[in-house]
Protein backbone atom coordinates (compact mmCIF):
# COMPACT_ATOMS: atom_id res chain seq x y z
CA MET A 1 82.93 128.65 113.03
CA SER A 2 84.45 126.04 115.10
CA LEU A 3 83.63 124.84 118.68
CA SER A 4 86.70 125.44 120.65
CA MET A 5 88.18 123.12 123.41
CA TYR A 6 87.22 125.66 126.07
CA GLU A 7 83.68 126.11 124.51
CA ALA A 8 83.14 122.53 124.75
CA SER A 9 84.21 122.14 128.06
CA ILE A 10 84.11 124.56 130.68
CA PRO A 11 80.95 126.50 129.84
CA VAL A 12 79.34 122.95 129.53
CA PHE A 13 80.83 121.62 132.69
CA SER A 14 79.33 125.29 134.57
CA ARG A 15 75.99 124.66 133.32
CA VAL A 16 75.46 121.10 133.94
CA LEU A 17 77.04 122.12 137.76
CA THR A 18 74.29 124.95 138.01
CA ASN A 19 71.64 122.57 136.88
CA LEU A 20 72.90 119.62 139.28
CA SER A 21 72.77 122.42 142.37
CA ALA A 22 69.39 123.21 141.62
CA ILE A 23 68.31 119.50 141.33
CA LEU A 24 69.82 119.14 144.87
CA GLY A 25 68.04 122.13 146.07
CA LYS A 26 64.50 120.88 145.27
CA ALA A 27 65.76 117.56 146.97
CA ALA A 28 66.25 119.30 150.38
CA ALA A 29 63.27 121.23 150.11
CA HIS A 30 61.14 118.49 148.95
CA ALA A 31 62.81 116.78 152.20
CA GLU A 32 62.14 119.58 154.77
CA SER A 33 58.61 120.04 153.16
CA GLN A 34 57.60 115.95 153.85
CA GLY A 35 59.44 115.46 156.86
CA ILE A 36 61.72 113.07 155.16
CA ASP A 37 65.29 112.50 156.75
CA PRO A 38 67.55 113.97 154.38
CA ALA A 39 69.94 111.31 155.12
CA VAL A 40 67.28 108.89 152.93
CA LEU A 41 67.62 110.78 149.58
CA ILE A 42 71.52 111.41 150.28
CA ASN A 43 71.83 107.59 151.06
CA ALA A 44 69.58 106.52 148.18
CA ARG A 45 70.43 104.12 145.26
CA LEU A 46 68.26 103.02 142.48
CA ALA A 47 69.57 99.63 142.44
CA PRO A 48 71.66 97.74 145.56
CA ASP A 49 75.13 97.26 143.50
CA MET A 50 74.77 101.02 142.65
CA PHE A 51 76.63 104.11 144.34
CA PRO A 52 74.15 106.47 146.44
CA LEU A 53 73.07 109.74 145.43
CA SER A 54 76.16 111.02 147.74
CA ARG A 55 78.48 109.32 145.39
CA GLN A 56 77.11 110.28 142.35
CA VAL A 57 77.62 113.96 143.09
CA GLN A 58 81.05 113.24 144.29
CA ILE A 59 82.00 111.49 140.87
CA ALA A 60 80.30 114.18 138.92
CA THR A 61 81.79 116.72 140.52
CA ASP A 62 85.62 114.76 140.42
CA ALA A 63 84.88 114.28 136.79
CA VAL A 64 84.72 118.11 136.30
CA LYS A 65 87.57 119.00 137.86
CA GLY A 66 89.48 116.38 136.45
CA ALA A 67 88.60 116.91 133.17
CA ALA A 68 89.38 120.42 133.62
CA ALA A 69 92.66 120.07 135.36
CA ARG A 70 94.12 117.69 132.52
CA LEU A 71 92.63 119.66 129.67
CA ALA A 72 94.64 122.91 131.00
CA GLN A 73 97.29 120.71 132.60
CA VAL A 74 96.98 121.85 136.08
CA ASP A 75 96.77 120.20 139.40
CA THR A 76 93.17 118.27 140.12
CA PRO A 77 91.88 119.77 143.71
CA SER A 78 91.43 117.04 145.65
CA PHE A 79 87.91 116.81 148.08
CA ALA A 80 87.78 114.78 151.06
CA ASP A 81 84.34 112.61 149.76
CA THR A 82 82.91 113.14 153.04
CA GLU A 83 79.74 114.81 152.26
CA SER A 84 76.44 113.79 154.21
CA SER A 85 74.08 116.39 153.68
CA PHE A 86 72.83 118.50 151.00
CA ALA A 87 74.69 121.49 152.54
CA ASP A 88 77.92 119.61 152.19
CA LEU A 89 77.01 118.33 148.90
CA GLN A 90 76.20 121.79 147.37
CA GLU A 91 79.51 123.22 149.05
CA ARG A 92 81.26 120.69 146.77
CA VAL A 93 79.67 121.67 143.51
CA ALA A 94 79.97 124.92 144.40
CA LYS A 95 83.79 124.58 144.98
CA THR A 96 84.10 122.65 141.59
CA GLN A 97 82.28 125.76 139.94
CA ALA A 98 84.98 127.88 141.67
CA PHE A 99 87.84 125.72 140.39
CA ILE A 100 86.79 125.43 136.91
CA GLN A 101 86.05 129.36 136.78
CA CYS A 102 89.49 130.09 137.33
CA ILE A 103 90.53 127.84 134.07
CA SER A 104 91.09 130.26 131.07
CA ALA A 105 90.32 129.63 127.56
CA ASP A 106 94.06 130.00 126.72
CA GLN A 107 94.93 127.19 128.96
CA VAL A 108 92.25 124.48 127.52
CA ASN A 109 92.26 125.66 123.79
CA GLY A 110 94.52 123.96 121.62
CA SER A 111 94.36 120.58 123.89
CA GLU A 112 93.11 118.46 121.28
CA SER A 113 95.60 116.51 120.46
CA LEU A 114 96.94 116.27 124.57
CA PRO A 115 97.98 112.98 125.54
CA ILE A 116 95.79 112.06 128.54
CA SER A 117 96.22 109.07 130.39
CA ILE A 118 93.53 107.58 133.26
CA LYS A 119 94.49 104.83 135.65
CA THR A 120 91.84 102.68 136.76
CA PRO A 121 92.51 99.69 139.15
CA ASN A 122 91.96 97.42 135.83
CA ARG A 123 93.44 99.41 133.17
CA GLU A 124 95.34 102.64 131.61
CA LEU A 125 93.07 104.48 129.43
CA ASN A 126 94.91 106.56 126.61
CA PHE A 127 93.55 109.53 124.73
CA SER A 128 93.70 112.45 122.99
CA GLY A 129 92.31 115.33 124.54
CA GLN A 130 89.25 115.79 122.13
CA THR A 131 88.53 112.20 122.43
CA PHE A 132 88.65 112.74 126.21
CA LEU A 133 86.72 115.27 126.34
CA LEU A 134 83.76 113.73 124.02
CA SER A 135 83.67 110.19 124.49
CA PHE A 136 85.14 109.95 128.05
CA ALA A 137 84.81 112.98 130.31
CA LEU A 138 81.57 114.27 129.03
CA PRO A 139 79.46 110.98 128.93
CA ASN A 140 80.95 110.25 132.27
CA LEU A 141 79.56 113.65 134.14
CA TYR A 142 76.29 113.31 132.14
CA PHE A 143 75.99 109.86 133.20
CA HIS A 144 76.42 110.50 137.10
CA VAL A 145 74.16 113.67 137.12
CA THR A 146 71.71 111.72 135.61
CA THR A 147 71.77 109.18 137.86
CA THR A 148 71.35 111.44 140.87
CA TYR A 149 68.31 112.98 138.93
CA ALA A 150 66.56 109.32 138.25
CA ILE A 151 67.40 108.73 142.31
CA LEU A 152 65.75 111.77 143.51
CA ARG A 153 62.68 111.15 140.71
CA HIS A 154 62.55 107.57 141.90
CA ASN A 155 62.25 109.22 145.69
CA GLY A 156 59.33 111.32 145.03
CA VAL A 157 61.42 114.33 143.97
CA ALA A 158 59.51 116.71 141.84
CA LEU A 159 61.86 117.05 139.01
CA GLY A 160 61.10 117.43 135.43
CA LYS A 161 63.15 117.52 132.25
CA MET A 162 63.99 121.18 132.45
CA ASP A 163 65.39 121.02 135.99
CA TYR A 164 68.30 118.86 134.31
CA LEU A 165 68.32 120.37 131.25
CA GLY A 166 68.04 124.00 133.03
CA ALA A 167 67.32 127.39 131.68
CA ALA A 168 67.90 128.24 128.18
């Protein structure tokens, strides 16, 4: 049995967002229990030239909604990128989850050969749907969620591998 484009995208996106939400929940609880201003964690970075945690979450959710929309050939919802609290970040994750839950298997399946172009400030990237999903969208999502995890872990939030992977 082959894996469909839908199965390789929407349920995977949903699981990663669920795990991201749980990680953010642990971060908020950690800040509260340790008397840390949540803004310290939300603005934390791994290196001075890297984006802060808030931007990592914004990019992860943008990756999900953008990939789902492109594969389903629907408009991508636009979010303002103004999140400044854990509640705001959780709301953004929830809005992204709600959007992808409206994408059906019929909309995504068959998109393997769909031409997809991404314009960046420096160049245009061109993919087939399958290559876009497997070589760009999923790695981009994992990078930003992993970076979110690493920022929080580096700042003392008690997270483990299973927080990242989620329950089976």
